[in-house]
Amino acid sequence: MIRPRKLFLTTSIALCLTALAATGATAAPPTIVSTGFSKVSTDSARLEAEINPNGQATFYRFEYGPQDCSLNPCASTPELEIPAQSTGSGDLTEGSNAVTNVVVSEGAFSVGASIAGTGIPASTTITAIDTGAKTLALSQPATASATGVALTVSGAQPVSAQVEGLEPGTKYFFRAVAKNSDAPSGVNGPVRTFKTFGLPAPPSLCPNDSLRTIENPMAAFIEYLGQNLPDCRAYEQASPVDKNGLDVKGLPVWVKASPAGDAVTFMPTAGIPGGEGAQELTPMLSRRGA
């Protein structure tokens, strides 16, 4: 009676091993290929990563905060799913490395990922993607022509998350975290950093602000020339005795004051002999006497 039980147990184990070998199942945790960021502002940023689910449904999130997330608790984005494989369709032409009229139905296609489908040779990878033209470039030419071919893509997939409510002018740490059934506690990517932009400087609070805020009509990015001078100093118009029958005129973008405020250079367009209608603008230096 004991012998048949041993035979049954041995046979069951053999059947299980045979089934695993037939399916080629190889469980593996997800791989975080790369991380990055973009669209940083004073209070927000876009966190990005490429994650390979390695054939299993995978969930990912980003952890971020003003301290190293590998050493301190951090805020986290909601967990989102990456499918085990990305799927879609496209048109093939025999002998061509291009897939046209590409439609992605699930997941995302990425350069370097393996792609399979009727008419696509084994071990073919994606070498380029043109989302505007809806085309893919393959590492090997198609062996047959067909339209609407079902495509299966395995490999790293681009993911991202937008984070809001950040502090201006602050350095942030972040990392991607991915998990699947083979890594339920999660795989941590490398910790990277970015810095939000600071807020613009507050406006001047001087009693002579009306003299300091001279709008520059030639260059909108230099709006308040006088605010560059310290201690509430302001530009003043300095006219020579001989004004050539006109007031001195000059474009603010050409006006530069010394740090001490006792001299200014400018290029006149009127008010100085040779200035009115001159084809060449002559730099002038005006210095305040004792």
C-alpha atoms as a PDB file:
ATOM      1  CA  MET A   1       0.000   0.000   0.000  1.00  0.00           C
ATOM      2  CA  ILE A   2       2.897   2.377   0.670  1.00  0.00           C
ATOM      3  CA  ARG A   3       4.557   1.824  -2.691  1.00  0.00           C
ATOM      4  CA  PRO A   4       1.666   3.116  -4.844  1.00  0.00           C
ATOM      5  CA  ARG A   5       1.458   6.275  -2.728  1.00  0.00           C
ATOM      6  CA  LYS A   6       5.155   6.949  -3.356  1.00  0.00           C
ATOM      7  CA  LEU A   7       4.661   6.335  -7.043  1.00  0.00           C
ATOM      8  CA  PHE A   8       1.660   8.695  -7.141  1.00  0.00           C
ATOM      9  CA  LEU A   9       3.584  11.451  -5.351  1.00  0.00           C
ATOM     10  CA  THR A  10       6.571  11.087  -7.665  1.00  0.00           C
ATOM     11  CA  THR A  11       4.320  11.132 -10.715  1.00  0.00           C
ATOM     12  CA  SER A  12       2.514  14.292  -9.518  1.00  0.00           C
ATOM     13  CA  ILE A  13       5.791  16.137  -9.039  1.00  0.00           C
ATOM     14  CA  ALA A  14       6.953  15.060 -12.485  1.00  0.00           C
ATOM     15  CA  LEU A  15       3.723  16.293 -14.055  1.00  0.00           C
ATOM     16  CA  CYS A  16       4.089  19.703 -12.369  1.00  0.00           C
ATOM     17  CA  LEU A  17       7.681  20.085 -13.549  1.00  0.00           C
ATOM     18  CA  THR A  18       6.673  19.062 -17.057  1.00  0.00           C
ATOM     19  CA  ALA A  19       3.892  21.678 -17.095  1.00  0.00           C
ATOM     20  CA  LEU A  20       6.273  24.451 -15.972  1.00  0.00           C
ATOM     21  CA  ALA A  21       8.790  23.454 -18.620  1.00  0.00           C
ATOM     22  CA  ALA A  22       6.104  23.455 -21.298  1.00  0.00           C
ATOM     23  CA  THR A  23       4.818  26.931 -20.438  1.00  0.00           C
ATOM     24  CA  GLY A  24       8.305  28.381 -19.987  1.00  0.00           C
ATOM     25  CA  ALA A  25       7.048  30.376 -16.959  1.00  0.00           C
ATOM     26  CA  THR A  26       9.850  32.398 -15.371  1.00  0.00           C
ATOM     27  CA  ALA A  27       8.636  34.706 -12.630  1.00  0.00           C
ATOM     28  CA  ALA A  28      10.743  37.844 -12.227  1.00  0.00           C
ATOM     29  CA  PRO A  29      10.407  41.109 -10.347  1.00  0.00           C
ATOM     30  CA  PRO A  30       9.981  44.331 -12.347  1.00  0.00           C
ATOM     31  CA  THR A  31      13.045  46.237 -13.508  1.00  0.00           C
ATOM     32  CA  ILE A  32      13.279  50.015 -13.211  1.00  0.00           C
ATOM     33  CA  VAL A  33      15.382  50.899 -16.248  1.00  0.00           C
ATOM     34  CA  SER A  34      15.596  54.678 -15.828  1.00  0.00           C
ATOM     35  CA  THR A  35      14.070  57.643 -13.984  1.00  0.00           C
ATOM     36  CA  GLY A  36      13.853  61.334 -14.795  1.00  0.00           C
ATOM     37  CA  PHE A  37      11.768  64.499 -14.512  1.00  0.00           C
ATOM     38  CA  SER A  38      10.442  67.336 -16.680  1.00  0.00           C
ATOM     39  CA  LYS A  39       8.093  70.345 -16.680  1.00  0.00           C
ATOM     40  CA  VAL A  40       9.389  71.686 -13.365  1.00  0.00           C
ATOM     41  CA  SER A  41       7.725  74.908 -12.150  1.00  0.00           C
ATOM     42  CA  THR A  42       7.543  76.787  -8.857  1.00  0.00           C
ATOM     43  CA  ASP A  43       5.101  74.277  -7.354  1.00  0.00           C
ATOM     44  CA  SER A  44       4.908  71.211  -9.613  1.00  0.00           C
ATOM     45  CA  ALA A  45       6.928  68.692 -11.623  1.00  0.00           C
ATOM     46  CA  ARG A  46       6.455  65.637 -13.817  1.00  0.00           C
ATOM     47  CA  LEU A  47       8.223  62.488 -12.570  1.00  0.00           C
ATOM     48  CA  GLU A  48       9.116  59.903 -15.209  1.00  0.00           C
ATOM     49  CA  ALA A  49      10.474  56.346 -15.414  1.00  0.00           C
ATOM     50  CA  GLU A  50      10.896  53.379 -17.728  1.00  0.00           C
ATOM     51  CA  ILE A  51       9.822  50.120 -16.092  1.00  0.00           C
ATOM     52  CA  ASN A  52      10.025  46.595 -17.493  1.00  0.00           C
ATOM     53  CA  PRO A  53       7.217  44.458 -15.994  1.00  0.00           C
ATOM     54  CA  ASN A  54       9.040  41.296 -17.118  1.00  0.00           C
ATOM     55  CA  GLY A  55       5.890  39.542 -18.266  1.00  0.00           C
ATOM     56  CA  GLN A  56       3.780  40.184 -15.166  1.00  0.00           C
ATOM     57  CA  ALA A  57       1.117  42.724 -14.313  1.00  0.00           C
ATOM     58  CA  THR A  58       3.014  45.400 -12.378  1.00  0.00           C
ATOM     59  CA  PHE A  59       2.036  48.375 -10.249  1.00  0.00           C
ATOM     60  CA  TYR A  60       4.187  51.485  -9.907  1.00  0.00           C
ATOM     61  CA  ARG A  61       4.282  54.720  -7.909  1.00  0.00           C
ATOM     62  CA  PHE A  62       6.665  57.605  -7.254  1.00  0.00           C
ATOM     63  CA  GLU A  63       7.860  58.608  -3.800  1.00  0.00           C
ATOM     64  CA  TYR A  64       9.032  62.206  -3.347  1.00  0.00           C
ATOM     65  CA  GLY A  65       9.886  64.701  -0.623  1.00  0.00           C
ATOM     66  CA  PRO A  66      12.399  67.295   0.618  1.00  0.00           C
ATOM     67  CA  GLN A  67      14.465  64.494   2.243  1.00  0.00           C
ATOM     68  CA  ASP A  68      16.070  61.334   0.870  1.00  0.00           C
ATOM     69  CA  CYS A  69      13.218  58.849   0.345  1.00  0.00           C
ATOM     70  CA  SER A  70      15.519  55.896   0.993  1.00  0.00           C
ATOM     71  CA  LEU A  71      16.107  57.167   4.534  1.00  0.00           C
ATOM     72  CA  ASN A  72      12.935  59.087   5.413  1.00  0.00           C
ATOM     73  CA  PRO A  73       9.171  58.751   4.824  1.00  0.00           C
ATOM     74  CA  CYS A  74       8.053  60.479   1.636  1.00  0.00           C
ATOM     75  CA  ALA A  75       4.819  61.415  -0.077  1.00  0.00           C
ATOM     76  CA  SER A  76       3.634  59.017  -2.764  1.00  0.00           C
ATOM     77  CA  THR A  77       1.664  59.229  -6.000  1.00  0.00           C
ATOM     78  CA  PRO A  78      -1.274  56.822  -6.489  1.00  0.00           C
ATOM     79  CA  GLU A  79      -0.346  53.325  -7.666  1.00  0.00           C
ATOM     80  CA  LEU A  80      -1.064  52.653 -11.332  1.00  0.00           C
ATOM     81  CA  GLU A  81      -0.861  49.398 -13.295  1.00  0.00           C
ATOM     82  CA  ILE A  82       1.475  48.460 -16.115  1.00  0.00           C
ATOM     83  CA  PRO A  83       0.157  45.512 -18.161  1.00  0.00           C
ATOM     84  CA  ALA A  84       2.350  42.440 -18.455  1.00  0.00           C
ATOM     85  CA  GLN A  85       2.685  43.124 -22.174  1.00  0.00           C
ATOM     86  CA  SER A  86       1.698  45.983 -24.421  1.00  0.00           C
ATOM     87  CA  THR A  87      -0.604  45.215 -27.339  1.00  0.00           C
ATOM     88  CA  GLY A  88      -1.675  46.963 -30.521  1.00  0.00           C
ATOM     89  CA  SER A  89      -1.854  46.569 -34.272  1.00  0.00           C
ATOM     90  CA  GLY A  90      -0.171  47.805 -37.447  1.00  0.00           C
ATOM     91  CA  ASP A  91       0.461  47.202 -41.143  1.00  0.00           C
ATOM     92  CA  LEU A  92       3.501  45.307 -42.480  1.00  0.00           C
ATOM     93  CA  THR A  93       5.164  45.308 -45.890  1.00  0.00           C
ATOM     94  CA  GLU A  94       7.383  42.360 -46.812  1.00  0.00           C
ATOM     95  CA  GLY A  95      11.046  43.351 -46.811  1.00  0.00           C
ATOM     96  CA  SER A  96      10.372  46.641 -44.989  1.00  0.00           C
ATOM     97  CA  ASN A  97      11.534  47.502 -41.474  1.00  0.00           C
ATOM     98  CA  ALA A  98       8.612  49.907 -40.976  1.00  0.00           C
ATOM     99  CA  VAL A  99       5.279  49.202 -39.294  1.00  0.00           C
ATOM    100  CA  THR A 100       2.661  51.751 -40.377  1.00  0.00           C
ATOM    101  CA  ASN A 101      -0.774  52.767 -39.073  1.00  0.00           C
ATOM    102  CA  VAL A 102       0.236  51.692 -35.579  1.00  0.00           C
ATOM    103  CA  VAL A 103      -2.473  51.684 -32.915  1.00  0.00           C
ATOM    104  CA  VAL A 104      -1.603  50.975 -29.258  1.00  0.00           C
ATOM    105  CA  SER A 105      -4.529  49.360 -27.457  1.00  0.00           C
ATOM    106  CA  GLU A 106      -2.912  48.617 -24.078  1.00  0.00           C
ATOM    107  CA  GLY A 107       0.292  49.734 -22.358  1.00  0.00           C
ATOM    108  CA  ALA A 108       2.963  51.633 -24.269  1.00  0.00           C
ATOM    109  CA  PHE A 109       5.565  50.845 -26.925  1.00  0.00           C
ATOM    110  CA  SER A 110       9.180  51.886 -26.314  1.00  0.00           C
ATOM    111  CA  VAL A 111      12.465  51.811 -28.201  1.00  0.00           C
ATOM    112  CA  GLY A 112      14.474  48.678 -27.410  1.00  0.00           C
ATOM    113  CA  ALA A 113      11.425  46.581 -26.514  1.00  0.00           C
ATOM    114  CA  SER A 114      10.866  43.179 -28.121  1.00  0.00           C
ATOM    115  CA  ILE A 115       7.978  43.012 -30.597  1.00  0.00           C
ATOM    116  CA  ALA A 116       6.144  39.961 -31.954  1.00  0.00           C
ATOM    117  CA  GLY A 117       3.427  39.400 -34.533  1.00  0.00           C
ATOM    118  CA  THR A 118       2.637  37.463 -37.697  1.00  0.00           C
ATOM    119  CA  GLY A 119       5.273  38.348 -40.288  1.00  0.00           C
ATOM    120  CA  ILE A 120       7.768  39.707 -37.723  1.00  0.00           C
ATOM    121  CA  PRO A 121      10.925  37.567 -37.265  1.00  0.00           C
ATOM    122  CA  ALA A 122      11.830  36.258 -33.819  1.00  0.00           C
ATOM    123  CA  SER A 123      14.077  38.435 -31.620  1.00  0.00           C
ATOM    124  CA  THR A 124      12.964  41.618 -33.374  1.00  0.00           C
ATOM    125  CA  THR A 125      13.108  44.855 -31.378  1.00  0.00           C
ATOM    126  CA  ILE A 126      11.754  48.373 -31.878  1.00  0.00           C
ATOM    127  CA  THR A 127      14.530  50.742 -33.005  1.00  0.00           C
ATOM    128  CA  ALA A 128      12.532  53.981 -33.436  1.00  0.00           C
ATOM    129  CA  ILE A 129       9.040  55.373 -32.828  1.00  0.00           C
ATOM    130  CA  ASP A 130       7.300  58.232 -34.646  1.00  0.00           C
ATOM    131  CA  THR A 131       4.099  58.893 -32.737  1.00  0.00           C
ATOM    132  CA  GLY A 132       3.034  61.670 -35.109  1.00  0.00           C
ATOM    133  CA  ALA A 133       3.258  59.450 -38.184  1.00  0.00           C
ATOM    134  CA  LYS A 134       2.079  56.381 -36.221  1.00  0.00           C
ATOM    135  CA  THR A 135       5.023  54.280 -37.401  1.00  0.00           C
ATOM    136  CA  LEU A 136       7.592  51.964 -35.834  1.00  0.00           C
ATOM    137  CA  ALA A 137      11.028  51.002 -37.114  1.00  0.00           C
ATOM    138  CA  LEU A 138      12.074  47.378 -36.535  1.00  0.00           C
ATOM    139  CA  SER A 139      15.500  45.805 -36.195  1.00  0.00           C
ATOM    140  CA  GLN A 140      14.573  43.215 -38.862  1.00  0.00           C
ATOM    141  CA  PRO A 141      12.398  43.468 -42.003  1.00  0.00           C
ATOM    142  CA  ALA A 142       8.972  41.853 -42.143  1.00  0.00           C
ATOM    143  CA  THR A 143       8.715  38.469 -43.846  1.00  0.00           C
ATOM    144  CA  ALA A 144       5.181  39.036 -45.148  1.00  0.00           C
ATOM    145  CA  SER A 145       2.769  41.832 -46.025  1.00  0.00           C
ATOM    146  CA  ALA A 146      -0.417  42.205 -43.999  1.00  0.00           C
ATOM    147  CA  THR A 147      -2.724  44.860 -42.542  1.00  0.00           C
ATOM    148  CA  GLY A 148      -4.031  45.062 -39.000  1.00  0.00           C
ATOM    149  CA  VAL A 149      -1.424  42.635 -37.647  1.00  0.00           C
ATOM    150  CA  ALA A 150      -1.793  42.014 -33.902  1.00  0.00           C
ATOM    151  CA  LEU A 151       1.360  43.250 -32.134  1.00  0.00           C
ATOM    152  CA  THR A 152       2.698  42.199 -28.750  1.00  0.00           C
ATOM    153  CA  VAL A 153       5.480  44.246 -27.158  1.00  0.00           C
ATOM    154  CA  SER A 154       7.547  43.125 -24.186  1.00  0.00           C
ATOM    155  CA  GLY A 155      10.069  45.368 -22.456  1.00  0.00           C
ATOM    156  CA  ALA A 156      10.436  48.672 -20.666  1.00  0.00           C
ATOM    157  CA  GLN A 157       7.404  50.936 -20.745  1.00  0.00           C
ATOM    158  CA  PRO A 158       7.435  54.709 -20.142  1.00  0.00           C
ATOM    159  CA  VAL A 159       5.372  55.885 -17.155  1.00  0.00           C
ATOM    160  CA  SER A 160       4.949  59.242 -15.447  1.00  0.00           C
ATOM    161  CA  ALA A 161       3.076  61.103 -12.710  1.00  0.00           C
ATOM    162  CA  GLN A 162       2.401  64.805 -12.147  1.00  0.00           C
ATOM    163  CA  VAL A 163       3.038  66.080  -8.593  1.00  0.00           C
ATOM    164  CA  GLU A 164       1.535  69.365  -7.388  1.00  0.00           C
ATOM    165  CA  GLY A 165       1.679  71.532  -4.283  1.00  0.00           C
ATOM    166  CA  LEU A 166       5.475  71.694  -4.052  1.00  0.00           C
ATOM    167  CA  GLU A 167       7.366  74.480  -2.285  1.00  0.00           C
ATOM    168  CA  PRO A 168       9.088  77.074  -4.511  1.00  0.00           C
ATOM    169  CA  GLY A 169      12.882  77.080  -4.646  1.00  0.00           C
ATOM    170  CA  THR A 170      13.117  73.695  -2.885  1.00  0.00           C
ATOM    171  CA  LYS A 171      15.240  70.635  -3.624  1.00  0.00           C
ATOM    172  CA  TYR A 172      13.205  67.419  -3.840  1.00  0.00           C
ATOM    173  CA  PHE A 173      14.249  63.777  -3.740  1.00  0.00           C
ATOM    174  CA  PHE A 174      12.265  61.139  -5.641  1.00  0.00           C
ATOM    175  CA  ARG A 175      12.360  57.530  -6.780  1.00  0.00           C
ATOM    176  CA  ALA A 176      10.173  55.082  -8.676  1.00  0.00           C
ATOM    177  CA  VAL A 177       8.822  51.986  -6.913  1.00  0.00           C
ATOM    178  CA  ALA A 178       7.403  48.976  -8.807  1.00  0.00           C
ATOM    179  CA  LYS A 179       5.918  45.705  -7.575  1.00  0.00           C
ATOM    180  CA  ASN A 180       4.394  42.518  -8.953  1.00  0.00           C
ATOM    181  CA  SER A 181       3.547  39.055  -7.662  1.00  0.00           C
ATOM    182  CA  ASP A 182       7.234  38.128  -7.547  1.00  0.00           C
ATOM    183  CA  ALA A 183       8.151  41.320  -5.637  1.00  0.00           C
ATOM    184  CA  PRO A 184       5.072  42.213  -3.535  1.00  0.00           C
ATOM    185  CA  SER A 185       7.012  44.587  -1.279  1.00  0.00           C
ATOM    186  CA  GLY A 186       8.284  46.552  -4.260  1.00  0.00           C
ATOM    187  CA  VAL A 187      11.517  47.226  -6.131  1.00  0.00           C
ATOM    188  CA  ASN A 188      13.037  50.667  -5.483  1.00  0.00           C
ATOM    189  CA  GLY A 189      14.674  52.686  -8.223  1.00  0.00           C
ATOM    190  CA  PRO A 190      17.640  55.014  -7.618  1.00  0.00           C
ATOM    191  CA  VAL A 191      17.017  58.253  -5.718  1.00  0.00           C
ATOM    192  CA  ARG A 192      17.269  61.368  -7.901  1.00  0.00           C
ATOM    193  CA  THR A 193      16.730  65.054  -7.231  1.00  0.00           C
ATOM    194  CA  PHE A 194      15.274  68.172  -8.835  1.00  0.00           C
ATOM    195  CA  LYS A 195      14.678  71.734  -7.627  1.00  0.00           C
ATOM    196  CA  THR A 196      11.569  73.829  -8.118  1.00  0.00           C
ATOM    197  CA  PHE A 197      11.887  77.386  -9.400  1.00  0.00           C
ATOM    198  CA  GLY A 198      11.856  80.182  -6.839  1.00  0.00           C
ATOM    199  CA  LEU A 199       9.251  82.911  -6.722  1.00  0.00           C
ATOM    200  CA  PRO A 200      10.122  86.242  -8.398  1.00  0.00           C
ATOM    201  CA  ALA A 201      11.561  88.961  -6.195  1.00  0.00           C
ATOM    202  CA  PRO A 202       8.963  91.228  -4.540  1.00  0.00           C
ATOM    203  CA  PRO A 203       8.436  94.645  -6.110  1.00  0.00           C
ATOM    204  CA  SER A 204      10.407  97.659  -4.911  1.00  0.00           C
ATOM    205  CA  LEU A 205       9.000  99.628  -1.968  1.00  0.00           C
ATOM    206  CA  CYS A 206      10.720 102.965  -2.419  1.00  0.00           C
ATOM    207  CA  PRO A 207       9.046 106.385  -2.068  1.00  0.00           C
ATOM    208  CA  ASN A 208      10.313 107.320  -5.556  1.00  0.00           C
ATOM    209  CA  ASP A 209       9.056 104.196  -7.327  1.00  0.00           C
ATOM    210  CA  SER A 210       7.418 106.340 -10.011  1.00  0.00           C
ATOM    211  CA  LEU A 211      10.913 107.457 -11.053  1.00  0.00           C
ATOM    212  CA  ARG A 212      12.460 103.998 -10.773  1.00  0.00           C
ATOM    213  CA  THR A 213       9.935 102.050 -12.867  1.00  0.00           C
ATOM    214  CA  ILE A 214      10.680 103.082 -16.433  1.00  0.00           C
ATOM    215  CA  GLU A 215       9.048 100.765 -18.941  1.00  0.00           C
ATOM    216  CA  ASN A 216      11.331  99.777 -21.781  1.00  0.00           C
ATOM    217  CA  PRO A 217       9.405  99.786 -25.090  1.00  0.00           C
ATOM    218  CA  MET A 218      12.221  98.008 -26.975  1.00  0.00           C
ATOM    219  CA  ALA A 219      12.699  95.014 -24.702  1.00  0.00           C
ATOM    220  CA  ALA A 220       9.761  93.847 -22.631  1.00  0.00           C
ATOM    221  CA  PHE A 221      11.952  91.570 -20.539  1.00  0.00           C
ATOM    222  CA  ILE A 222      13.626  94.632 -18.976  1.00  0.00           C
ATOM    223  CA  GLU A 223      10.587  96.262 -17.451  1.00  0.00           C
ATOM    224  CA  TYR A 224      11.922  98.073 -14.410  1.00  0.00           C
ATOM    225  CA  LEU A 225      15.386  99.460 -15.109  1.00  0.00           C
ATOM    226  CA  GLY A 226      15.491 101.665 -12.024  1.00  0.00           C
ATOM    227  CA  GLN A 227      14.857  98.742  -9.690  1.00  0.00           C
ATOM    228  CA  ASN A 228      18.345  97.475 -10.515  1.00  0.00           C
ATOM    229  CA  LEU A 229      19.800 100.412  -8.571  1.00  0.00           C
ATOM    230  CA  PRO A 230      20.234  99.920  -4.789  1.00  0.00           C
ATOM    231  CA  ASP A 231      19.194 102.216  -1.914  1.00  0.00           C
ATOM    232  CA  CYS A 232      16.145 103.644  -3.756  1.00  0.00           C
ATOM    233  CA  ARG A 233      18.354 105.510  -6.240  1.00  0.00           C
ATOM    234  CA  ALA A 234      16.849 106.304  -9.629  1.00  0.00           C
ATOM    235  CA  TYR A 235      17.959 107.307 -13.088  1.00  0.00           C
ATOM    236  CA  GLU A 236      17.833 111.028 -13.794  1.00  0.00           C
ATOM    237  CA  GLN A 237      17.912 112.872 -17.099  1.00  0.00           C
ATOM    238  CA  ALA A 238      21.220 114.710 -17.557  1.00  0.00           C
ATOM    239  CA  SER A 239      21.155 117.335 -20.321  1.00  0.00           C
ATOM    240  CA  PRO A 240      24.166 119.228 -21.690  1.00  0.00           C
ATOM    241  CA  VAL A 241      24.040 123.031 -21.991  1.00  0.00           C
ATOM    242  CA  ASP A 242      23.757 122.823 -25.762  1.00  0.00           C
ATOM    243  CA  LYS A 243      20.787 120.566 -26.339  1.00  0.00           C
ATOM    244  CA  ASN A 244      20.758 121.081 -30.114  1.00  0.00           C
ATOM    245  CA  GLY A 245      17.263 122.521 -29.772  1.00  0.00           C
ATOM    246  CA  LEU A 246      15.883 119.265 -28.409  1.00  0.00           C
ATOM    247  CA  ASP A 247      15.694 117.317 -25.174  1.00  0.00           C
ATOM    248  CA  VAL A 248      18.115 114.456 -24.733  1.00  0.00           C
ATOM    249  CA  LYS A 249      16.520 111.178 -25.776  1.00  0.00           C
ATOM    250  CA  GLY A 250      17.881 107.697 -25.411  1.00  0.00           C
ATOM    251  CA  LEU A 251      16.553 104.150 -25.424  1.00  0.00           C
ATOM    252  CA  PRO A 252      16.542 102.627 -21.907  1.00  0.00           C
ATOM    253  CA  VAL A 253      17.954  99.342 -23.182  1.00  0.00           C
ATOM    254  CA  TRP A 254      21.163 101.244 -24.025  1.00  0.00           C
ATOM    255  CA  VAL A 255      21.402 102.994 -20.639  1.00  0.00           C
ATOM    256  CA  LYS A 256      23.884 101.584 -18.103  1.00  0.00           C
ATOM    257  CA  ALA A 257      24.562 103.136 -14.702  1.00  0.00           C
ATOM    258  CA  SER A 258      27.667 102.628 -12.589  1.00  0.00           C
ATOM    259  CA  PRO A 259      27.207 100.744  -9.287  1.00  0.00           C
ATOM    260  CA  ALA A 260      28.020 103.950  -7.385  1.00  0.00           C
ATOM    261  CA  GLY A 261      25.319 105.838  -9.259  1.00  0.00           C
ATOM    262  CA  ASP A 262      27.650 108.715 -10.218  1.00  0.00           C
ATOM    263  CA  ALA A 263      27.923 107.963 -13.937  1.00  0.00           C
ATOM    264  CA  VAL A 264      25.790 106.695 -16.777  1.00  0.00           C
ATOM    265  CA  THR A 265      26.438 105.694 -20.375  1.00  0.00           C
ATOM    266  CA  PHE A 266      23.811 106.104 -23.071  1.00  0.00           C
ATOM    267  CA  MET A 267      23.325 106.331 -26.830  1.00  0.00           C
ATOM    268  CA  PRO A 268      21.355 109.478 -27.764  1.00  0.00           C
ATOM    269  CA  THR A 269      18.945 109.785 -30.661  1.00  0.00           C
ATOM    270  CA  ALA A 270      18.411 113.554 -30.173  1.00  0.00           C
ATOM    271  CA  GLY A 271      19.434 116.514 -28.035  1.00  0.00           C
ATOM    272  CA  ILE A 272      23.177 116.333 -28.789  1.00  0.00           C
ATOM    273  CA  PRO A 273      24.865 117.601 -31.971  1.00  0.00           C
ATOM    274  CA  GLY A 274      25.077 114.712 -34.407  1.00  0.00           C
ATOM    275  CA  GLY A 275      22.427 112.721 -32.574  1.00  0.00           C
ATOM    276  CA  GLU A 276      19.320 113.791 -34.493  1.00  0.00           C
ATOM    277  CA  GLY A 277      18.991 111.662 -37.603  1.00  0.00           C
ATOM    278  CA  ALA A 278      22.524 110.299 -37.285  1.00  0.00           C
ATOM    279  CA  GLN A 279      23.149 106.992 -39.017  1.00  0.00           C
ATOM    280  CA  GLU A 280      25.525 105.874 -36.289  1.00  0.00           C
ATOM    281  CA  LEU A 281      24.704 106.107 -32.588  1.00  0.00           C
ATOM    282  CA  THR A 282      27.625 107.361 -30.513  1.00  0.00           C
ATOM    283  CA  PRO A 283      28.030 106.064 -26.934  1.00  0.00           C
ATOM    284  CA  MET A 284      28.072 108.925 -24.386  1.00  0.00           C
ATOM    285  CA  LEU A 285      29.330 109.028 -20.815  1.00  0.00           C
ATOM    286  CA  SER A 286      27.785 111.438 -18.329  1.00  0.00           C
ATOM    287  CA  ARG A 287      29.407 111.791 -14.904  1.00  0.00           C
ATOM    288  CA  ARG A 288      28.104 113.676 -11.880  1.00  0.00           C
ATOM    289  CA  GLY A 289      30.565 116.247 -10.530  1.00  0.00           C
ATOM    290  CA  ALA A 290      31.441 116.950  -6.888  1.00  0.00           C
END
